[in-house]
Amino acid sequence: MKRTTGDAIARAVIQERGERSVLLRSRGGFLGVHPKRDCLDLQIVTAHAIRAARVTKVDAVAARRFHVHVQVATEKEVDGQLLEWLREAHDLMA
């Protein structure tokens, strides 16, 4: 059976549940999931700003750390591009 990026990330993740969010961690937090009324706001930790149409906000939190916000409303929006960003975030914080 072929393993996907999602499978690899799921095996290495520790979840921390906040009052209104979930933080996914490897060595450090790499993804915040914030439920909204009609979507999930994903806050992805990166080493560079990502500029793409689906990115709703980019926060510079340190010299080489950014929080990239992406809203996901449907399963179809979880595509190869998003999974690659999640893999990069996981690897960065592993």
PDB file of N, CA and C in Angstrom:
ATOM      1  N   MET A   1       0.831  -1.169   0.000  1.00  0.00           N
ATOM      2  CA  MET A   1       0.000   0.000   0.000  1.00  0.00           C
ATOM      3  C   MET A   1       0.888   1.248   0.000  1.00  0.00           C
ATOM      4  N   LYS A   2       0.627   2.177  -0.877  1.00  0.00           N
ATOM      5  CA  LYS A   2       1.408   3.396  -1.005  1.00  0.00           C
ATOM      6  C   LYS A   2       1.077   4.359   0.134  1.00  0.00           C
ATOM      7  N   ARG A   3       2.123   4.882   0.770  1.00  0.00           N
ATOM      8  CA  ARG A   3       1.929   5.852   1.846  1.00  0.00           C
ATOM      9  C   ARG A   3       1.905   7.257   1.271  1.00  0.00           C
ATOM     10  N   THR A   4       1.063   8.090   1.817  1.00  0.00           N
ATOM     11  CA  THR A   4       0.941   9.469   1.354  1.00  0.00           C
ATOM     12  C   THR A   4       1.611  10.409   2.346  1.00  0.00           C
ATOM     13  N   THR A   5       1.764  11.651   1.932  1.00  0.00           N
ATOM     14  CA  THR A   5       2.288  12.676   2.835  1.00  0.00           C
ATOM     15  C   THR A   5       1.427  12.763   4.076  1.00  0.00           C
ATOM     16  N   GLY A   6       0.108  12.706   3.901  1.00  0.00           N
ATOM     17  CA  GLY A   6      -0.804  12.766   5.035  1.00  0.00           C
ATOM     18  C   GLY A   6      -0.567  11.627   6.018  1.00  0.00           C
ATOM     19  N   ASP A   7      -0.299  10.407   5.512  1.00  0.00           N
ATOM     20  CA  ASP A   7      -0.006   9.268   6.388  1.00  0.00           C
ATOM     21  C   ASP A   7       1.252   9.521   7.208  1.00  0.00           C
ATOM     22  N   ALA A   8       2.295  10.038   6.554  1.00  0.00           N
ATOM     23  CA  ALA A   8       3.562  10.293   7.241  1.00  0.00           C
ATOM     24  C   ALA A   8       3.381  11.348   8.321  1.00  0.00           C
ATOM     25  N   ILE A   9       2.656  12.396   8.011  1.00  0.00           N
ATOM     26  CA  ILE A   9       2.426  13.455   8.991  1.00  0.00           C
ATOM     27  C   ILE A   9       1.599  12.924  10.154  1.00  0.00           C
ATOM     28  N   ALA A  10       0.560  12.157   9.866  1.00  0.00           N
ATOM     29  CA  ALA A  10      -0.324  11.644  10.914  1.00  0.00           C
ATOM     30  C   ALA A  10       0.428  10.764  11.909  1.00  0.00           C
ATOM     31  N   ARG A  11       1.406   9.984  11.452  1.00  0.00           N
ATOM     32  CA  ARG A  11       2.166   9.108  12.345  1.00  0.00           C
ATOM     33  C   ARG A  11       3.039   9.894  13.316  1.00  0.00           C
ATOM     34  N   ALA A  12       3.512  11.076  12.912  1.00  0.00           N
ATOM     35  CA  ALA A  12       4.481  11.814  13.711  1.00  0.00           C
ATOM     36  C   ALA A  12       3.878  12.948  14.516  1.00  0.00           C
ATOM     37  N   VAL A  13       2.577  13.064  14.531  1.00  0.00           N
ATOM     38  CA  VAL A  13       1.931  14.244  15.101  1.00  0.00           C
ATOM     39  C   VAL A  13       1.445  14.014  16.524  1.00  0.00           C
ATOM     40  N   ILE A  14       1.667  15.022  17.334  1.00  0.00           N
ATOM     41  CA  ILE A  14       1.074  15.085  18.667  1.00  0.00           C
ATOM     42  C   ILE A  14       0.071  16.224  18.606  1.00  0.00           C
ATOM     43  N   GLN A  15      -1.113  15.999  19.067  1.00  0.00           N
ATOM     44  CA  GLN A  15      -2.146  17.030  19.018  1.00  0.00           C
ATOM     45  C   GLN A  15      -2.300  17.682  20.378  1.00  0.00           C
ATOM     46  N   GLU A  16      -2.446  18.990  20.353  1.00  0.00           N
ATOM     47  CA  GLU A  16      -2.760  19.739  21.566  1.00  0.00           C
ATOM     48  C   GLU A  16      -4.055  20.478  21.290  1.00  0.00           C
ATOM     49  N   ARG A  17      -5.063  20.195  22.074  1.00  0.00           N
ATOM     50  CA  ARG A  17      -6.358  20.804  21.861  1.00  0.00           C
ATOM     51  C   ARG A  17      -6.493  22.050  22.727  1.00  0.00           C
ATOM     52  N   GLY A  18      -6.769  23.155  22.075  1.00  0.00           N
ATOM     53  CA  GLY A  18      -7.057  24.387  22.795  1.00  0.00           C
ATOM     54  C   GLY A  18      -8.550  24.524  22.964  1.00  0.00           C
ATOM     55  N   GLU A  19      -8.968  25.640  23.504  1.00  0.00           N
ATOM     56  CA  GLU A  19     -10.397  25.857  23.701  1.00  0.00           C
ATOM     57  C   GLU A  19     -11.133  25.915  22.368  1.00  0.00           C
ATOM     58  N   ARG A  20     -10.513  26.555  21.374  1.00  0.00           N
ATOM     59  CA  ARG A  20     -11.163  26.702  20.066  1.00  0.00           C
ATOM     60  C   ARG A  20     -10.261  26.329  18.907  1.00  0.00           C
ATOM     61  N   SER A  21      -9.227  25.548  19.162  1.00  0.00           N
ATOM     62  CA  SER A  21      -8.307  25.181  18.090  1.00  0.00           C
ATOM     63  C   SER A  21      -7.577  23.893  18.438  1.00  0.00           C
ATOM     64  N   VAL A  22      -6.866  23.377  17.439  1.00  0.00           N
ATOM     65  CA  VAL A  22      -6.020  22.199  17.618  1.00  0.00           C
ATOM     66  C   VAL A  22      -4.655  22.548  17.050  1.00  0.00           C
ATOM     67  N   LEU A  23      -3.596  22.245  17.806  1.00  0.00           N
ATOM     68  CA  LEU A  23      -2.235  22.468  17.345  1.00  0.00           C
ATOM     69  C   LEU A  23      -1.614  21.111  17.050  1.00  0.00           C
ATOM     70  N   LEU A  24      -1.084  20.944  15.853  1.00  0.00           N
ATOM     71  CA  LEU A  24      -0.394  19.712  15.491  1.00  0.00           C
ATOM     72  C   LEU A  24       1.096  19.970  15.632  1.00  0.00           C
ATOM     73  N   ARG A  25       1.756  19.071  16.356  1.00  0.00           N
ATOM     74  CA  ARG A  25       3.171  19.245  16.661  1.00  0.00           C
ATOM     75  C   ARG A  25       3.972  18.032  16.228  1.00  0.00           C
ATOM     76  N   SER A  26       5.195  18.264  15.837  1.00  0.00           N
ATOM     77  CA  SER A  26       6.193  17.224  15.683  1.00  0.00           C
ATOM     78  C   SER A  26       7.166  17.501  16.822  1.00  0.00           C
ATOM     79  N   ARG A  27       8.300  18.123  16.549  1.00  0.00           N
ATOM     80  CA  ARG A  27       9.143  18.630  17.626  1.00  0.00           C
ATOM     81  C   ARG A  27       8.577  19.965  18.109  1.00  0.00           C
ATOM     82  N   GLY A  28       8.117  20.743  17.148  1.00  0.00           N
ATOM     83  CA  GLY A  28       7.470  22.023  17.428  1.00  0.00           C
ATOM     84  C   GLY A  28       6.166  22.094  16.663  1.00  0.00           C
ATOM     85  N   GLY A  29       5.343  23.075  16.993  1.00  0.00           N
ATOM     86  CA  GLY A  29       4.058  23.213  16.319  1.00  0.00           C
ATOM     87  C   GLY A  29       4.235  23.597  14.861  1.00  0.00           C
ATOM     88  N   PHE A  30       3.555  22.875  13.965  1.00  0.00           N
ATOM     89  CA  PHE A  30       3.668  23.177  12.543  1.00  0.00           C
ATOM     90  C   PHE A  30       2.330  23.511  11.892  1.00  0.00           C
ATOM     91  N   LEU A  31       1.224  23.253  12.588  1.00  0.00           N
ATOM     92  CA  LEU A  31      -0.079  23.537  12.003  1.00  0.00           C
ATOM     93  C   LEU A  31      -1.093  23.828  13.104  1.00  0.00           C
ATOM     94  N   GLY A  32      -1.725  24.980  13.000  1.00  0.00           N
ATOM     95  CA  GLY A  32      -2.851  25.302  13.860  1.00  0.00           C
ATOM     96  C   GLY A  32      -4.130  25.167  13.054  1.00  0.00           C
ATOM     97  N   VAL A  33      -5.122  24.529  13.618  1.00  0.00           N
ATOM     98  CA  VAL A  33      -6.414  24.347  12.947  1.00  0.00           C
ATOM     99  C   VAL A  33      -7.461  25.085  13.771  1.00  0.00           C
ATOM    100  N   HIS A  34      -8.061  26.099  13.150  1.00  0.00           N
ATOM    101  CA  HIS A  34      -9.033  26.944  13.827  1.00  0.00           C
ATOM    102  C   HIS A  34     -10.388  26.812  13.128  1.00  0.00           C
ATOM    103  N   PRO A  35     -11.344  26.091  13.728  1.00  0.00           N
ATOM    104  CA  PRO A  35     -12.664  25.945  13.107  1.00  0.00           C
ATOM    105  C   PRO A  35     -13.392  27.286  13.043  1.00  0.00           C
ATOM    106  N   LYS A  36     -13.945  27.578  11.892  1.00  0.00           N
ATOM    107  CA  LYS A  36     -14.792  28.755  11.676  1.00  0.00           C
ATOM    108  C   LYS A  36     -16.184  28.247  11.321  1.00  0.00           C
ATOM    109  N   ARG A  37     -17.119  29.130  11.173  1.00  0.00           N
ATOM    110  CA  ARG A  37     -18.496  28.728  10.885  1.00  0.00           C
ATOM    111  C   ARG A  37     -18.596  27.903   9.599  1.00  0.00           C
ATOM    112  N   ASP A  38     -17.920  28.326   8.542  1.00  0.00           N
ATOM    113  CA  ASP A  38     -18.072  27.667   7.242  1.00  0.00           C
ATOM    114  C   ASP A  38     -16.783  27.091   6.677  1.00  0.00           C
ATOM    115  N   CYS A  39     -15.711  27.045   7.480  1.00  0.00           N
ATOM    116  CA  CYS A  39     -14.447  26.512   6.974  1.00  0.00           C
ATOM    117  C   CYS A  39     -13.504  26.234   8.141  1.00  0.00           C
ATOM    118  N   LEU A  40     -12.345  25.702   7.812  1.00  0.00           N
ATOM    119  CA  LEU A  40     -11.251  25.568   8.760  1.00  0.00           C
ATOM    120  C   LEU A  40     -10.188  26.578   8.351  1.00  0.00           C
ATOM    121  N   ASP A  41      -9.692  27.351   9.305  1.00  0.00           N
ATOM    122  CA  ASP A  41      -8.584  28.257   9.042  1.00  0.00           C
ATOM    123  C   ASP A  41      -7.319  27.528   9.466  1.00  0.00           C
ATOM    124  N   LEU A  42      -6.489  27.174   8.493  1.00  0.00           N
ATOM    125  CA  LEU A  42      -5.237  26.488   8.766  1.00  0.00           C
ATOM    126  C   LEU A  42      -4.140  27.526   8.901  1.00  0.00           C
ATOM    127  N   GLN A  43      -3.366  27.421   9.941  1.00  0.00           N
ATOM    128  CA  GLN A  43      -2.245  28.318  10.179  1.00  0.00           C
ATOM    129  C   GLN A  43      -0.987  27.464  10.068  1.00  0.00           C
ATOM    130  N   ILE A  44      -0.308  27.570   8.924  1.00  0.00           N
ATOM    131  CA  ILE A  44       0.822  26.709   8.589  1.00  0.00           C
ATOM    132  C   ILE A  44       2.116  27.455   8.892  1.00  0.00           C
ATOM    133  N   VAL A  45       3.035  26.815   9.628  1.00  0.00           N
ATOM    134  CA  VAL A  45       4.323  27.421   9.954  1.00  0.00           C
ATOM    135  C   VAL A  45       5.301  27.139   8.816  1.00  0.00           C
ATOM    136  N   THR A  46       5.921  28.205   8.293  1.00  0.00           N
ATOM    137  CA  THR A  46       6.874  28.052   7.192  1.00  0.00           C
ATOM    138  C   THR A  46       8.136  28.866   7.463  1.00  0.00           C
ATOM    139  N   ALA A  47       9.166  28.613   6.672  1.00  0.00           N
ATOM    140  CA  ALA A  47      10.419  29.359   6.751  1.00  0.00           C
ATOM    141  C   ALA A  47      10.428  30.513   5.752  1.00  0.00           C
ATOM    142  N   HIS A  48       9.373  30.632   4.959  1.00  0.00           N
ATOM    143  CA  HIS A  48       9.275  31.687   3.947  1.00  0.00           C
ATOM    144  C   HIS A  48       7.809  32.045   3.747  1.00  0.00           C
ATOM    145  N   ALA A  49       7.586  33.254   3.294  1.00  0.00           N
ATOM    146  CA  ALA A  49       6.214  33.667   2.994  1.00  0.00           C
ATOM    147  C   ALA A  49       5.736  32.949   1.746  1.00  0.00           C
ATOM    148  N   ILE A  50       4.529  32.459   1.778  1.00  0.00           N
ATOM    149  CA  ILE A  50       3.937  31.811   0.604  1.00  0.00           C
ATOM    150  C   ILE A  50       2.925  32.777   0.007  1.00  0.00           C
ATOM    151  N   ARG A  51       3.088  33.074  -1.247  1.00  0.00           N
ATOM    152  CA  ARG A  51       2.153  33.955  -1.958  1.00  0.00           C
ATOM    153  C   ARG A  51       1.379  33.095  -2.956  1.00  0.00           C
ATOM    154  N   ALA A  52       0.117  32.918  -2.680  1.00  0.00           N
ATOM    155  CA  ALA A  52      -0.759  32.147  -3.568  1.00  0.00           C
ATOM    156  C   ALA A  52      -2.172  32.683  -3.387  1.00  0.00           C
ATOM    157  N   ALA A  53      -3.011  32.461  -4.375  1.00  0.00           N
ATOM    158  CA  ALA A  53      -4.380  32.977  -4.341  1.00  0.00           C
ATOM    159  C   ALA A  53      -5.149  32.474  -3.128  1.00  0.00           C
ATOM    160  N   ARG A  54      -4.890  31.260  -2.701  1.00  0.00           N
ATOM    161  CA  ARG A  54      -5.652  30.681  -1.594  1.00  0.00           C
ATOM    162  C   ARG A  54      -5.134  31.099  -0.217  1.00  0.00           C
ATOM    163  N   VAL A  55      -4.001  31.759  -0.159  1.00  0.00           N
ATOM    164  CA  VAL A  55      -3.456  32.245   1.110  1.00  0.00           C
ATOM    165  C   VAL A  55      -4.197  33.522   1.496  1.00  0.00           C
ATOM    166  N   THR A  56      -4.810  33.526   2.681  1.00  0.00           N
ATOM    167  CA  THR A  56      -5.611  34.673   3.106  1.00  0.00           C
ATOM    168  C   THR A  56      -4.817  35.671   3.945  1.00  0.00           C
ATOM    169  N   LYS A  57      -3.713  35.206   4.552  1.00  0.00           N
ATOM    170  CA  LYS A  57      -2.936  36.091   5.411  1.00  0.00           C
ATOM    171  C   LYS A  57      -1.569  35.464   5.656  1.00  0.00           C
ATOM    172  N   VAL A  58      -0.541  36.306   5.789  1.00  0.00           N
ATOM    173  CA  VAL A  58       0.797  35.836   6.144  1.00  0.00           C
ATOM    174  C   VAL A  58       1.293  36.701   7.298  1.00  0.00           C
ATOM    175  N   ASP A  59       1.644  36.061   8.416  1.00  0.00           N
ATOM    176  CA  ASP A  59       2.191  36.759   9.577  1.00  0.00           C
ATOM    177  C   ASP A  59       3.670  36.428   9.701  1.00  0.00           C
ATOM    178  N   ALA A  60       4.524  37.437   9.738  1.00  0.00           N
ATOM    179  CA  ALA A  60       5.949  37.224  10.020  1.00  0.00           C
ATOM    180  C   ALA A  60       6.081  37.169  11.534  1.00  0.00           C
ATOM    181  N   VAL A  61       6.452  36.017  12.088  1.00  0.00           N
ATOM    182  CA  VAL A  61       6.534  35.867  13.535  1.00  0.00           C
ATOM    183  C   VAL A  61       7.974  35.899  14.042  1.00  0.00           C
ATOM    184  N   ALA A  62       8.932  35.746  13.151  1.00  0.00           N
ATOM    185  CA  ALA A  62      10.365  35.831  13.468  1.00  0.00           C
ATOM    186  C   ALA A  62      11.086  36.055  12.145  1.00  0.00           C
ATOM    187  N   ALA A  63      12.400  36.202  12.221  1.00  0.00           N
ATOM    188  CA  ALA A  63      13.175  36.477  11.009  1.00  0.00           C
ATOM    189  C   ALA A  63      12.957  35.418   9.928  1.00  0.00           C
ATOM    190  N   ARG A  64      12.869  34.174  10.331  1.00  0.00           N
ATOM    191  CA  ARG A  64      12.686  33.094   9.353  1.00  0.00           C
ATOM    192  C   ARG A  64      11.508  32.198   9.689  1.00  0.00           C
ATOM    193  N   ARG A  65      10.481  32.759  10.278  1.00  0.00           N
ATOM    194  CA  ARG A  65       9.261  32.002  10.575  1.00  0.00           C
ATOM    195  C   ARG A  65       8.047  32.822  10.192  1.00  0.00           C
ATOM    196  N   PHE A  66       7.146  32.163   9.500  1.00  0.00           N
ATOM    197  CA  PHE A  66       5.915  32.788   9.041  1.00  0.00           C
ATOM    198  C   PHE A  66       4.747  31.883   9.387  1.00  0.00           C
ATOM    199  N   HIS A  67       3.614  32.482   9.668  1.00  0.00           N
ATOM    200  CA  HIS A  67       2.361  31.748   9.798  1.00  0.00           C
ATOM    201  C   HIS A  67       1.538  32.096   8.572  1.00  0.00           C
ATOM    202  N   VAL A  68       1.288  31.099   7.749  1.00  0.00           N
ATOM    203  CA  VAL A  68       0.545  31.263   6.503  1.00  0.00           C
ATOM    204  C   VAL A  68      -0.864  30.732   6.729  1.00  0.00           C
ATOM    205  N   HIS A  69      -1.869  31.570   6.510  1.00  0.00           N
ATOM    206  CA  HIS A  69      -3.257  31.196   6.742  1.00  0.00           C
ATOM    207  C   HIS A  69      -3.920  30.772   5.425  1.00  0.00           C
ATOM    208  N   VAL A  70      -4.562  29.617   5.471  1.00  0.00           N
ATOM    209  CA  VAL A  70      -5.302  29.086   4.327  1.00  0.00           C
ATOM    210  C   VAL A  70      -6.651  28.601   4.841  1.00  0.00           C
ATOM    211  N   GLN A  71      -7.723  28.997   4.194  1.00  0.00           N
ATOM    212  CA  GLN A  71      -9.044  28.529   4.588  1.00  0.00           C
ATOM    213  C   GLN A  71      -9.446  27.351   3.704  1.00  0.00           C
ATOM    214  N   VAL A  72      -9.950  26.309   4.362  1.00  0.00           N
ATOM    215  CA  VAL A  72     -10.380  25.098   3.667  1.00  0.00           C
ATOM    216  C   VAL A  72     -11.853  24.871   3.997  1.00  0.00           C
ATOM    217  N   ALA A  73     -12.688  24.894   2.950  1.00  0.00           N
ATOM    218  CA  ALA A  73     -14.131  24.725   3.145  1.00  0.00           C
ATOM    219  C   ALA A  73     -14.638  23.373   2.638  1.00  0.00           C
ATOM    220  N   THR A  74     -13.903  22.754   1.716  1.00  0.00           N
ATOM    221  CA  THR A  74     -14.330  21.467   1.163  1.00  0.00           C
ATOM    222  C   THR A  74     -13.153  20.512   1.086  1.00  0.00           C
ATOM    223  N   GLU A  75     -13.468  19.235   1.000  1.00  0.00           N
ATOM    224  CA  GLU A  75     -12.436  18.212   0.868  1.00  0.00           C
ATOM    225  C   GLU A  75     -11.588  18.416  -0.383  1.00  0.00           C
ATOM    226  N   LYS A  76     -12.193  18.895  -1.453  1.00  0.00           N
ATOM    227  CA  LYS A  76     -11.470  19.112  -2.713  1.00  0.00           C
ATOM    228  C   LYS A  76     -10.323  20.099  -2.566  1.00  0.00           C
ATOM    229  N   GLU A  77     -10.437  20.994  -1.584  1.00  0.00           N
ATOM    230  CA  GLU A  77      -9.394  21.993  -1.377  1.00  0.00           C
ATOM    231  C   GLU A  77      -8.143  21.417  -0.709  1.00  0.00           C
ATOM    232  N   VAL A  78      -8.238  20.198  -0.208  1.00  0.00           N
ATOM    233  CA  VAL A  78      -7.068  19.504   0.335  1.00  0.00           C
ATOM    234  C   VAL A  78      -6.413  18.784  -0.834  1.00  0.00           C
ATOM    235  N   ASP A  79      -5.561  19.534  -1.534  1.00  0.00           N
ATOM    236  CA  ASP A  79      -4.947  19.023  -2.759  1.00  0.00           C
ATOM    237  C   ASP A  79      -3.434  18.890  -2.588  1.00  0.00           C
ATOM    238  N   GLY A  80      -2.760  18.577  -3.676  1.00  0.00           N
ATOM    239  CA  GLY A  80      -1.322  18.375  -3.653  1.00  0.00           C
ATOM    240  C   GLY A  80      -0.550  19.594  -3.161  1.00  0.00           C
ATOM    241  N   GLN A  81      -0.975  20.774  -3.566  1.00  0.00           N
ATOM    242  CA  GLN A  81      -0.295  21.998  -3.142  1.00  0.00           C
ATOM    243  C   GLN A  81      -0.372  22.164  -1.629  1.00  0.00           C
ATOM    244  N   LEU A  82      -1.554  22.000  -1.064  1.00  0.00           N
ATOM    245  CA  LEU A  82      -1.725  22.135   0.384  1.00  0.00           C
ATOM    246  C   LEU A  82      -0.945  21.056   1.118  1.00  0.00           C
ATOM    247  N   LEU A  83      -1.011  19.819   0.645  1.00  0.00           N
ATOM    248  CA  LEU A  83      -0.277  18.735   1.293  1.00  0.00           C
ATOM    249  C   LEU A  83       1.226  18.974   1.246  1.00  0.00           C
ATOM    250  N   GLU A  84       1.722  19.563   0.182  1.00  0.00           N
ATOM    251  CA  GLU A  84       3.150  19.886   0.094  1.00  0.00           C
ATOM    252  C   GLU A  84       3.524  20.949   1.129  1.00  0.00           C
ATOM    253  N   TRP A  85       2.683  21.969   1.286  1.00  0.00           N
ATOM    254  CA  TRP A  85       2.945  22.989   2.310  1.00  0.00           C
ATOM    255  C   TRP A  85       2.950  22.356   3.700  1.00  0.00           C
ATOM    256  N   LEU A  86       2.038  21.436   3.955  1.00  0.00           N
ATOM    257  CA  LEU A  86       1.980  20.761   5.253  1.00  0.00           C
ATOM    258  C   LEU A  86       3.215  19.898   5.477  1.00  0.00           C
ATOM    259  N   ARG A  87       3.664  19.208   4.423  1.00  0.00           N
ATOM    260  CA  ARG A  87       4.890  18.394   4.543  1.00  0.00           C
ATOM    261  C   ARG A  87       6.084  19.276   4.855  1.00  0.00           C
ATOM    262  N   GLU A  88       6.191  20.396   4.151  1.00  0.00           N
ATOM    263  CA  GLU A  88       7.300  21.331   4.396  1.00  0.00           C
ATOM    264  C   GLU A  88       7.252  21.840   5.834  1.00  0.00           C
ATOM    265  N   ALA A  89       6.061  22.185   6.325  1.00  0.00           N
ATOM    266  CA  ALA A  89       5.906  22.685   7.688  1.00  0.00           C
ATOM    267  C   ALA A  89       6.308  21.621   8.700  1.00  0.00           C
ATOM    268  N   HIS A  90       5.856  20.389   8.465  1.00  0.00           N
ATOM    269  CA  HIS A  90       6.203  19.279   9.361  1.00  0.00           C
ATOM    270  C   HIS A  90       7.706  19.066   9.380  1.00  0.00           C
ATOM    271  N   ASP A  91       8.326  19.020   8.202  1.00  0.00           N
ATOM    272  CA  ASP A  91       9.777  18.806   8.115  1.00  0.00           C
ATOM    273  C   ASP A  91      10.540  19.937   8.798  1.00  0.00           C
ATOM    274  N   LEU A  92      10.067  21.155   8.652  1.00  0.00           N
ATOM    275  CA  LEU A  92      10.718  22.304   9.269  1.00  0.00           C
ATOM    276  C   LEU A  92      10.736  22.173  10.793  1.00  0.00           C
ATOM    277  N   MET A  93       9.667  21.685  11.352  1.00  0.00           N
ATOM    278  CA  MET A  93       9.545  21.619  12.803  1.00  0.00           C
ATOM    279  C   MET A  93       9.851  20.231  13.376  1.00  0.00           C
ATOM    280  N   ALA A  94      10.322  19.309  12.546  1.00  0.00           N
ATOM    281  CA  ALA A  94      10.645  17.945  13.002  1.00  0.00           C
ATOM    282  C   ALA A  94      12.012  17.870  13.649  1.00  0.00           C
TER     283      ALA A  94
END
